[in-house]
Amino acid sequence: MKLKKFFIELDNDDTLMRFVGVTAWTEEDALNLIQDNLLKEGLNPSIKSMKEITSLNELDQNHVLPNMGEFASRGIWFPFGFTSKK
């Protein structure tokens, strides 16, 4: 099974934590990574939308790309700082 990149919009009023980028095996795996990591930070927003990303060109070139971490292995890569993996 191949890792996939997902970009998720959260139903969250906090504009600093409105989007999350994650690499995971499946959509369910991505959601579990987000929930596990965000709950540790005291956040519990619901998911507004989720899209599988096939190219980094699909992401905001001025904000997302310069502020993302390593995306090739399983874990959260946006926003930068949520790079924990399970």
PDB file of N, CA and C in Angstrom:
ATOM      1  N   MET A   1       0.839  -1.182   0.000  1.00  0.00           N
ATOM      2  CA  MET A   1       0.000   0.000   0.000  1.00  0.00           C
ATOM      3  C   MET A   1       0.888   1.251   0.000  1.00  0.00           C
ATOM      4  N   LYS A   2       0.505   2.231  -0.786  1.00  0.00           N
ATOM      5  CA  LYS A   2       1.281   3.447  -0.961  1.00  0.00           C
ATOM      6  C   LYS A   2       0.732   4.575  -0.065  1.00  0.00           C
ATOM      7  N   LEU A   3       1.647   5.358   0.515  1.00  0.00           N
ATOM      8  CA  LEU A   3       1.236   6.516   1.307  1.00  0.00           C
ATOM      9  C   LEU A   3       0.596   7.566   0.408  1.00  0.00           C
ATOM     10  N   LYS A   4      -0.398   8.270   0.950  1.00  0.00           N
ATOM     11  CA  LYS A   4      -1.105   9.316   0.211  1.00  0.00           C
ATOM     12  C   LYS A   4      -1.015  10.622   1.005  1.00  0.00           C
ATOM     13  N   LYS A   5      -1.060  11.737   0.293  1.00  0.00           N
ATOM     14  CA  LYS A   5      -1.065  13.048   0.935  1.00  0.00           C
ATOM     15  C   LYS A   5      -2.492  13.585   0.930  1.00  0.00           C
ATOM     16  N   PHE A   6      -2.928  14.107   2.079  1.00  0.00           N
ATOM     17  CA  PHE A   6      -4.262  14.677   2.208  1.00  0.00           C
ATOM     18  C   PHE A   6      -4.151  16.109   2.722  1.00  0.00           C
ATOM     19  N   PHE A   7      -5.068  16.966   2.261  1.00  0.00           N
ATOM     20  CA  PHE A   7      -5.152  18.329   2.762  1.00  0.00           C
ATOM     21  C   PHE A   7      -6.568  18.491   3.293  1.00  0.00           C
ATOM     22  N   ILE A   8      -6.669  18.822   4.567  1.00  0.00           N
ATOM     23  CA  ILE A   8      -7.942  18.820   5.269  1.00  0.00           C
ATOM     24  C   ILE A   8      -8.272  20.223   5.745  1.00  0.00           C
ATOM     25  N   GLU A   9      -9.514  20.643   5.496  1.00  0.00           N
ATOM     26  CA  GLU A   9     -10.001  21.905   6.046  1.00  0.00           C
ATOM     27  C   GLU A   9     -10.813  21.582   7.296  1.00  0.00           C
ATOM     28  N   LEU A  10     -10.483  22.270   8.377  1.00  0.00           N
ATOM     29  CA  LEU A  10     -11.169  22.064   9.642  1.00  0.00           C
ATOM     30  C   LEU A  10     -12.299  23.076   9.786  1.00  0.00           C
ATOM     31  N   ASP A  11     -13.341  22.674  10.480  1.00  0.00           N
ATOM     32  CA  ASP A  11     -14.428  23.579  10.812  1.00  0.00           C
ATOM     33  C   ASP A  11     -14.010  24.279  12.107  1.00  0.00           C
ATOM     34  N   ASN A  12     -13.158  25.293  11.955  1.00  0.00           N
ATOM     35  CA  ASN A  12     -12.502  25.918  13.093  1.00  0.00           C
ATOM     36  C   ASN A  12     -12.431  27.418  12.842  1.00  0.00           C
ATOM     37  N   ASP A  13     -12.802  28.207  13.842  1.00  0.00           N
ATOM     38  CA  ASP A  13     -12.749  29.662  13.713  1.00  0.00           C
ATOM     39  C   ASP A  13     -11.327  30.199  13.759  1.00  0.00           C
ATOM     40  N   ASP A  14     -10.402  29.435  14.302  1.00  0.00           N
ATOM     41  CA  ASP A  14      -9.014  29.861  14.425  1.00  0.00           C
ATOM     42  C   ASP A  14      -8.329  29.761  13.067  1.00  0.00           C
ATOM     43  N   THR A  15      -8.059  30.913  12.450  1.00  0.00           N
ATOM     44  CA  THR A  15      -7.469  30.896  11.112  1.00  0.00           C
ATOM     45  C   THR A  15      -6.065  30.310  11.107  1.00  0.00           C
ATOM     46  N   LEU A  16      -5.388  30.277  12.257  1.00  0.00           N
ATOM     47  CA  LEU A  16      -4.055  29.689  12.312  1.00  0.00           C
ATOM     48  C   LEU A  16      -4.091  28.173  12.237  1.00  0.00           C
ATOM     49  N   MET A  17      -5.236  27.595  12.548  1.00  0.00           N
ATOM     50  CA  MET A  17      -5.353  26.129  12.530  1.00  0.00           C
ATOM     51  C   MET A  17      -6.594  25.734  11.744  1.00  0.00           C
ATOM     52  N   ARG A  18      -6.689  26.265  10.530  1.00  0.00           N
ATOM     53  CA  ARG A  18      -7.850  25.981   9.700  1.00  0.00           C
ATOM     54  C   ARG A  18      -7.605  24.851   8.717  1.00  0.00           C
ATOM     55  N   PHE A  19      -6.326  24.593   8.396  1.00  0.00           N
ATOM     56  CA  PHE A  19      -5.980  23.543   7.452  1.00  0.00           C
ATOM     57  C   PHE A  19      -4.908  22.642   8.045  1.00  0.00           C
ATOM     58  N   VAL A  20      -4.943  21.375   7.656  1.00  0.00           N
ATOM     59  CA  VAL A  20      -3.944  20.405   8.096  1.00  0.00           C
ATOM     60  C   VAL A  20      -3.541  19.567   6.884  1.00  0.00           C
ATOM     61  N   GLY A  21      -2.237  19.377   6.716  1.00  0.00           N
ATOM     62  CA  GLY A  21      -1.718  18.497   5.675  1.00  0.00           C
ATOM     63  C   GLY A  21      -1.149  17.255   6.341  1.00  0.00           C
ATOM     64  N   VAL A  22      -1.466  16.098   5.807  1.00  0.00           N
ATOM     65  CA  VAL A  22      -1.034  14.843   6.428  1.00  0.00           C
ATOM     66  C   VAL A  22      -0.747  13.794   5.352  1.00  0.00           C
ATOM     67  N   THR A  23       0.258  12.984   5.629  1.00  0.00           N
ATOM     68  CA  THR A  23       0.550  11.828   4.782  1.00  0.00           C
ATOM     69  C   THR A  23       0.162  10.588   5.566  1.00  0.00           C
ATOM     70  N   ALA A  24      -0.641   9.730   4.944  1.00  0.00           N
ATOM     71  CA  ALA A  24      -1.166   8.556   5.651  1.00  0.00           C
ATOM     72  C   ALA A  24      -1.472   7.448   4.650  1.00  0.00           C
ATOM     73  N   TRP A  25      -1.755   6.274   5.184  1.00  0.00           N
ATOM     74  CA  TRP A  25      -2.089   5.125   4.338  1.00  0.00           C
ATOM     75  C   TRP A  25      -3.473   5.259   3.709  1.00  0.00           C
ATOM     76  N   THR A  26      -4.443   5.741   4.504  1.00  0.00           N
ATOM     77  CA  THR A  26      -5.828   5.857   4.056  1.00  0.00           C
ATOM     78  C   THR A  26      -6.440   7.129   4.636  1.00  0.00           C
ATOM     79  N   GLU A  27      -7.649   7.482   4.197  1.00  0.00           N
ATOM     80  CA  GLU A  27      -8.355   8.621   4.787  1.00  0.00           C
ATOM     81  C   GLU A  27      -8.568   8.400   6.280  1.00  0.00           C
ATOM     82  N   GLU A  28      -8.950   7.197   6.664  1.00  0.00           N
ATOM     83  CA  GLU A  28      -9.174   6.889   8.084  1.00  0.00           C
ATOM     84  C   GLU A  28      -7.880   7.053   8.884  1.00  0.00           C
ATOM     85  N   ASP A  29      -6.780   6.589   8.336  1.00  0.00           N
ATOM     86  CA  ASP A  29      -5.481   6.742   8.984  1.00  0.00           C
ATOM     87  C   ASP A  29      -5.144   8.226   9.152  1.00  0.00           C
ATOM     88  N   ALA A  30      -5.405   9.033   8.116  1.00  0.00           N
ATOM     89  CA  ALA A  30      -5.146  10.479   8.184  1.00  0.00           C
ATOM     90  C   ALA A  30      -5.988  11.124   9.287  1.00  0.00           C
ATOM     91  N   LEU A  31      -7.250  10.761   9.347  1.00  0.00           N
ATOM     92  CA  LEU A  31      -8.129  11.320  10.376  1.00  0.00           C
ATOM     93  C   LEU A  31      -7.666  10.920  11.776  1.00  0.00           C
ATOM     94  N   ASN A  32      -7.210   9.686  11.922  1.00  0.00           N
ATOM     95  CA  ASN A  32      -6.700   9.246  13.229  1.00  0.00           C
ATOM     96  C   ASN A  32      -5.443  10.025  13.630  1.00  0.00           C
ATOM     97  N   LEU A  33      -4.537  10.255  12.685  1.00  0.00           N
ATOM     98  CA  LEU A  33      -3.337  11.045  12.980  1.00  0.00           C
ATOM     99  C   LEU A  33      -3.704  12.465  13.409  1.00  0.00           C
ATOM    100  N   ILE A  34      -4.641  13.062  12.699  1.00  0.00           N
ATOM    101  CA  ILE A  34      -5.068  14.422  13.038  1.00  0.00           C
ATOM    102  C   ILE A  34      -5.705  14.448  14.418  1.00  0.00           C
ATOM    103  N   GLN A  35      -6.631  13.544  14.655  1.00  0.00           N
ATOM    104  CA  GLN A  35      -7.307  13.537  15.946  1.00  0.00           C
ATOM    105  C   GLN A  35      -6.329  13.294  17.086  1.00  0.00           C
ATOM    106  N   ASP A  36      -5.448  12.330  16.950  1.00  0.00           N
ATOM    107  CA  ASP A  36      -4.474  12.036  18.004  1.00  0.00           C
ATOM    108  C   ASP A  36      -3.588  13.239  18.310  1.00  0.00           C
ATOM    109  N   ASN A  37      -3.109  13.920  17.282  1.00  0.00           N
ATOM    110  CA  ASN A  37      -2.190  15.039  17.476  1.00  0.00           C
ATOM    111  C   ASN A  37      -2.897  16.315  17.904  1.00  0.00           C
ATOM    112  N   LEU A  38      -4.066  16.610  17.350  1.00  0.00           N
ATOM    113  CA  LEU A  38      -4.764  17.837  17.716  1.00  0.00           C
ATOM    114  C   LEU A  38      -5.339  17.747  19.122  1.00  0.00           C
ATOM    115  N   LEU A  39      -5.807  16.553  19.502  1.00  0.00           N
ATOM    116  CA  LEU A  39      -6.332  16.406  20.859  1.00  0.00           C
ATOM    117  C   LEU A  39      -5.244  16.626  21.897  1.00  0.00           C
ATOM    118  N   LYS A  40      -4.011  16.240  21.573  1.00  0.00           N
ATOM    119  CA  LYS A  40      -2.887  16.499  22.478  1.00  0.00           C
ATOM    120  C   LYS A  40      -2.673  17.990  22.673  1.00  0.00           C
ATOM    121  N   GLU A  41      -3.030  18.781  21.659  1.00  0.00           N
ATOM    122  CA  GLU A  41      -2.867  20.236  21.712  1.00  0.00           C
ATOM    123  C   GLU A  41      -4.110  20.920  22.272  1.00  0.00           C
ATOM    124  N   GLY A  42      -5.103  20.139  22.681  1.00  0.00           N
ATOM    125  CA  GLY A  42      -6.323  20.710  23.245  1.00  0.00           C
ATOM    126  C   GLY A  42      -7.325  21.171  22.203  1.00  0.00           C
ATOM    127  N   LEU A  43      -7.147  20.764  20.957  1.00  0.00           N
ATOM    128  CA  LEU A  43      -8.058  21.144  19.879  1.00  0.00           C
ATOM    129  C   LEU A  43      -8.924  19.951  19.499  1.00  0.00           C
ATOM    130  N   ASN A  44     -10.174  20.215  19.179  1.00  0.00           N
ATOM    131  CA  ASN A  44     -11.066  19.131  18.777  1.00  0.00           C
ATOM    132  C   ASN A  44     -12.035  19.603  17.690  1.00  0.00           C
ATOM    133  N   PRO A  45     -11.521  20.164  16.593  1.00  0.00           N
ATOM    134  CA  PRO A  45     -12.414  20.641  15.532  1.00  0.00           C
ATOM    135  C   PRO A  45     -12.924  19.488  14.679  1.00  0.00           C
ATOM    136  N   SER A  46     -14.049  19.723  14.036  1.00  0.00           N
ATOM    137  CA  SER A  46     -14.561  18.719  13.107  1.00  0.00           C
ATOM    138  C   SER A  46     -13.981  18.984  11.711  1.00  0.00           C
ATOM    139  N   ILE A  47     -14.079  17.995  10.863  1.00  0.00           N
ATOM    140  CA  ILE A  47     -13.539  18.066   9.503  1.00  0.00           C
ATOM    141  C   ILE A  47     -14.590  18.700   8.595  1.00  0.00           C
ATOM    142  N   LYS A  48     -14.193  19.744   7.880  1.00  0.00           N
ATOM    143  CA  LYS A  48     -15.086  20.402   6.926  1.00  0.00           C
ATOM    144  C   LYS A  48     -14.959  19.767   5.540  1.00  0.00           C
ATOM    145  N   SER A  49     -13.713  19.521   5.117  1.00  0.00           N
ATOM    146  CA  SER A  49     -13.491  18.861   3.829  1.00  0.00           C
ATOM    147  C   SER A  49     -12.130  18.172   3.840  1.00  0.00           C
ATOM    148  N   MET A  50     -11.992  17.182   2.982  1.00  0.00           N
ATOM    149  CA  MET A  50     -10.750  16.418   2.885  1.00  0.00           C
ATOM    150  C   MET A  50     -10.507  16.097   1.415  1.00  0.00           C
ATOM    151  N   LYS A  51      -9.262  16.372   0.973  1.00  0.00           N
ATOM    152  CA  LYS A  51      -8.924  16.132  -0.427  1.00  0.00           C
ATOM    153  C   LYS A  51      -7.586  15.416  -0.506  1.00  0.00           C
ATOM    154  N   GLU A  52      -7.532  14.377  -1.332  1.00  0.00           N
ATOM    155  CA  GLU A  52      -6.244  13.733  -1.585  1.00  0.00           C
ATOM    156  C   GLU A  52      -5.467  14.609  -2.565  1.00  0.00           C
ATOM    157  N   ILE A  53      -4.207  14.876  -2.225  1.00  0.00           N
ATOM    158  CA  ILE A  53      -3.338  15.715  -3.037  1.00  0.00           C
ATOM    159  C   ILE A  53      -2.433  14.805  -3.865  1.00  0.00           C
ATOM    160  N   THR A  54      -2.444  14.991  -5.167  1.00  0.00           N
ATOM    161  CA  THR A  54      -1.583  14.190  -6.029  1.00  0.00           C
ATOM    162  C   THR A  54      -0.331  14.957  -6.451  1.00  0.00           C
ATOM    163  N   SER A  55      -0.362  16.287  -6.253  1.00  0.00           N
ATOM    164  CA  SER A  55       0.784  17.126  -6.608  1.00  0.00           C
ATOM    165  C   SER A  55       0.869  18.291  -5.623  1.00  0.00           C
ATOM    166  N   LEU A  56       2.080  18.648  -5.219  1.00  0.00           N
ATOM    167  CA  LEU A  56       2.252  19.801  -4.337  1.00  0.00           C
ATOM    168  C   LEU A  56       1.852  21.100  -5.027  1.00  0.00           C
ATOM    169  N   ASN A  57       1.737  21.094  -6.347  1.00  0.00           N
ATOM    170  CA  ASN A  57       1.269  22.273  -7.082  1.00  0.00           C
ATOM    171  C   ASN A  57      -0.179  22.621  -6.754  1.00  0.00           C
ATOM    172  N   GLU A  58      -0.907  21.677  -6.164  1.00  0.00           N
ATOM    173  CA  GLU A  58      -2.300  21.926  -5.789  1.00  0.00           C
ATOM    174  C   GLU A  58      -2.408  22.784  -4.526  1.00  0.00           C
ATOM    175  N   LEU A  59      -1.303  22.938  -3.803  1.00  0.00           N
ATOM    176  CA  LEU A  59      -1.302  23.677  -2.541  1.00  0.00           C
ATOM    177  C   LEU A  59      -0.936  25.140  -2.754  1.00  0.00           C
ATOM    178  N   ASP A  60      -1.342  25.976  -1.822  1.00  0.00           N
ATOM    179  CA  ASP A  60      -1.012  27.396  -1.876  1.00  0.00           C
ATOM    180  C   ASP A  60       0.504  27.571  -1.879  1.00  0.00           C
ATOM    181  N   GLN A  61       1.019  28.133  -2.955  1.00  0.00           N
ATOM    182  CA  GLN A  61       2.467  28.271  -3.139  1.00  0.00           C
ATOM    183  C   GLN A  61       3.085  29.335  -2.232  1.00  0.00           C
ATOM    184  N   ASN A  62       2.293  30.308  -1.799  1.00  0.00           N
ATOM    185  CA  ASN A  62       2.813  31.408  -0.989  1.00  0.00           C
ATOM    186  C   ASN A  62       2.696  31.178   0.513  1.00  0.00           C
ATOM    187  N   HIS A  63       1.789  30.311   0.921  1.00  0.00           N
ATOM    188  CA  HIS A  63       1.614  30.099   2.360  1.00  0.00           C
ATOM    189  C   HIS A  63       1.905  28.660   2.785  1.00  0.00           C
ATOM    190  N   VAL A  64       1.280  27.703   2.134  1.00  0.00           N
ATOM    191  CA  VAL A  64       1.412  26.313   2.572  1.00  0.00           C
ATOM    192  C   VAL A  64       2.815  25.778   2.311  1.00  0.00           C
ATOM    193  N   LEU A  65       3.287  25.872   1.078  1.00  0.00           N
ATOM    194  CA  LEU A  65       4.599  25.287   0.754  1.00  0.00           C
ATOM    195  C   LEU A  65       5.740  25.812   1.620  1.00  0.00           C
ATOM    196  N   PRO A  66       5.838  27.126   1.866  1.00  0.00           N
ATOM    197  CA  PRO A  66       6.960  27.594   2.693  1.00  0.00           C
ATOM    198  C   PRO A  66       6.821  27.239   4.180  1.00  0.00           C
ATOM    199  N   ASN A  67       5.633  26.800   4.602  1.00  0.00           N
ATOM    200  CA  ASN A  67       5.376  26.543   6.019  1.00  0.00           C
ATOM    201  C   ASN A  67       5.051  25.090   6.319  1.00  0.00           C
ATOM    202  N   MET A  68       5.510  24.194   5.481  1.00  0.00           N
ATOM    203  CA  MET A  68       5.226  22.783   5.708  1.00  0.00           C
ATOM    204  C   MET A  68       6.499  22.023   6.047  1.00  0.00           C
ATOM    205  N   GLY A  69       6.309  20.927   6.761  1.00  0.00           N
ATOM    206  CA  GLY A  69       7.420  20.067   7.104  1.00  0.00           C
ATOM    207  C   GLY A  69       7.599  18.962   6.078  1.00  0.00           C
ATOM    208  N   GLU A  70       8.333  17.951   6.450  1.00  0.00           N
ATOM    209  CA  GLU A  70       8.627  16.807   5.594  1.00  0.00           C
ATOM    210  C   GLU A  70       7.340  16.020   5.326  1.00  0.00           C
ATOM    211  N   PHE A  71       7.047  15.786   4.059  1.00  0.00           N
ATOM    212  CA  PHE A  71       5.765  15.186   3.680  1.00  0.00           C
ATOM    213  C   PHE A  71       5.877  13.780   3.094  1.00  0.00           C
ATOM    214  N   ALA A  72       7.076  13.248   2.930  1.00  0.00           N
ATOM    215  CA  ALA A  72       7.248  11.962   2.248  1.00  0.00           C
ATOM    216  C   ALA A  72       6.930  10.761   3.137  1.00  0.00           C
ATOM    217  N   SER A  73       6.978  10.936   4.445  1.00  0.00           N
ATOM    218  CA  SER A  73       6.669   9.819   5.338  1.00  0.00           C
ATOM    219  C   SER A  73       5.392  10.119   6.131  1.00  0.00           C
ATOM    220  N   ARG A  74       4.853   9.110   6.739  1.00  0.00           N
ATOM    221  CA  ARG A  74       3.581   9.184   7.446  1.00  0.00           C
ATOM    222  C   ARG A  74       3.640  10.215   8.577  1.00  0.00           C
ATOM    223  N   GLY A  75       2.677  11.125   8.601  1.00  0.00           N
ATOM    224  CA  GLY A  75       2.579  12.110   9.667  1.00  0.00           C
ATOM    225  C   GLY A  75       1.992  13.420   9.179  1.00  0.00           C
ATOM    226  N   ILE A  76       1.879  14.367  10.099  1.00  0.00           N
ATOM    227  CA  ILE A  76       1.350  15.689   9.786  1.00  0.00           C
ATOM    228  C   ILE A  76       2.493  16.572   9.310  1.00  0.00           C
ATOM    229  N   TRP A  77       2.313  17.230   8.176  1.00  0.00           N
ATOM    230  CA  TRP A  77       3.343  18.100   7.621  1.00  0.00           C
ATOM    231  C   TRP A  77       2.933  19.557   7.507  1.00  0.00           C
ATOM    232  N   PHE A  78       1.673  19.849   7.709  1.00  0.00           N
ATOM    233  CA  PHE A  78       1.210  21.237   7.752  1.00  0.00           C
ATOM    234  C   PHE A  78       0.118  21.343   8.786  1.00  0.00           C
ATOM    235  N   PRO A  79       0.164  22.316   9.665  1.00  0.00           N
ATOM    236  CA  PRO A  79       1.169  23.360   9.745  1.00  0.00           C
ATOM    237  C   PRO A  79       2.486  22.833  10.313  1.00  0.00           C
ATOM    238  N   PHE A  80       3.552  23.516   9.967  1.00  0.00           N
ATOM    239  CA  PHE A  80       4.876  23.155  10.454  1.00  0.00           C
ATOM    240  C   PHE A  80       4.842  23.125  11.971  1.00  0.00           C
ATOM    241  N   GLY A  81       5.420  22.108  12.551  1.00  0.00           N
ATOM    242  CA  GLY A  81       5.414  21.969  14.003  1.00  0.00           C
ATOM    243  C   GLY A  81       4.614  20.763  14.470  1.00  0.00           C
ATOM    244  N   PHE A  82       3.684  20.301  13.655  1.00  0.00           N
ATOM    245  CA  PHE A  82       2.920  19.097  13.967  1.00  0.00           C
ATOM    246  C   PHE A  82       3.535  17.931  13.208  1.00  0.00           C
ATOM    247  N   THR A  83       4.803  17.672  13.442  1.00  0.00           N
ATOM    248  CA  THR A  83       5.489  16.638  12.664  1.00  0.00           C
ATOM    249  C   THR A  83       5.545  15.313  13.381  1.00  0.00           C
ATOM    250  N   SER A  84       4.796  15.167  14.460  1.00  0.00           N
ATOM    251  CA  SER A  84       4.844  13.886  15.179  1.00  0.00           C
ATOM    252  C   SER A  84       4.232  12.787  14.326  1.00  0.00           C
ATOM    253  N   LYS A  85       4.773  11.600  14.492  1.00  0.00           N
ATOM    254  CA  LYS A  85       4.315  10.428  13.724  1.00  0.00           C
ATOM    255  C   LYS A  85       3.994   9.303  14.700  1.00  0.00           C
ATOM    256  N   LYS A  86       3.150   8.401  14.281  1.00  0.00           N
ATOM    257  CA  LYS A  86       2.824   7.228  15.090  1.00  0.00           C
ATOM    258  C   LYS A  86       3.119   5.996  14.296  1.00  0.00           C
TER     259      LYS A  86
END
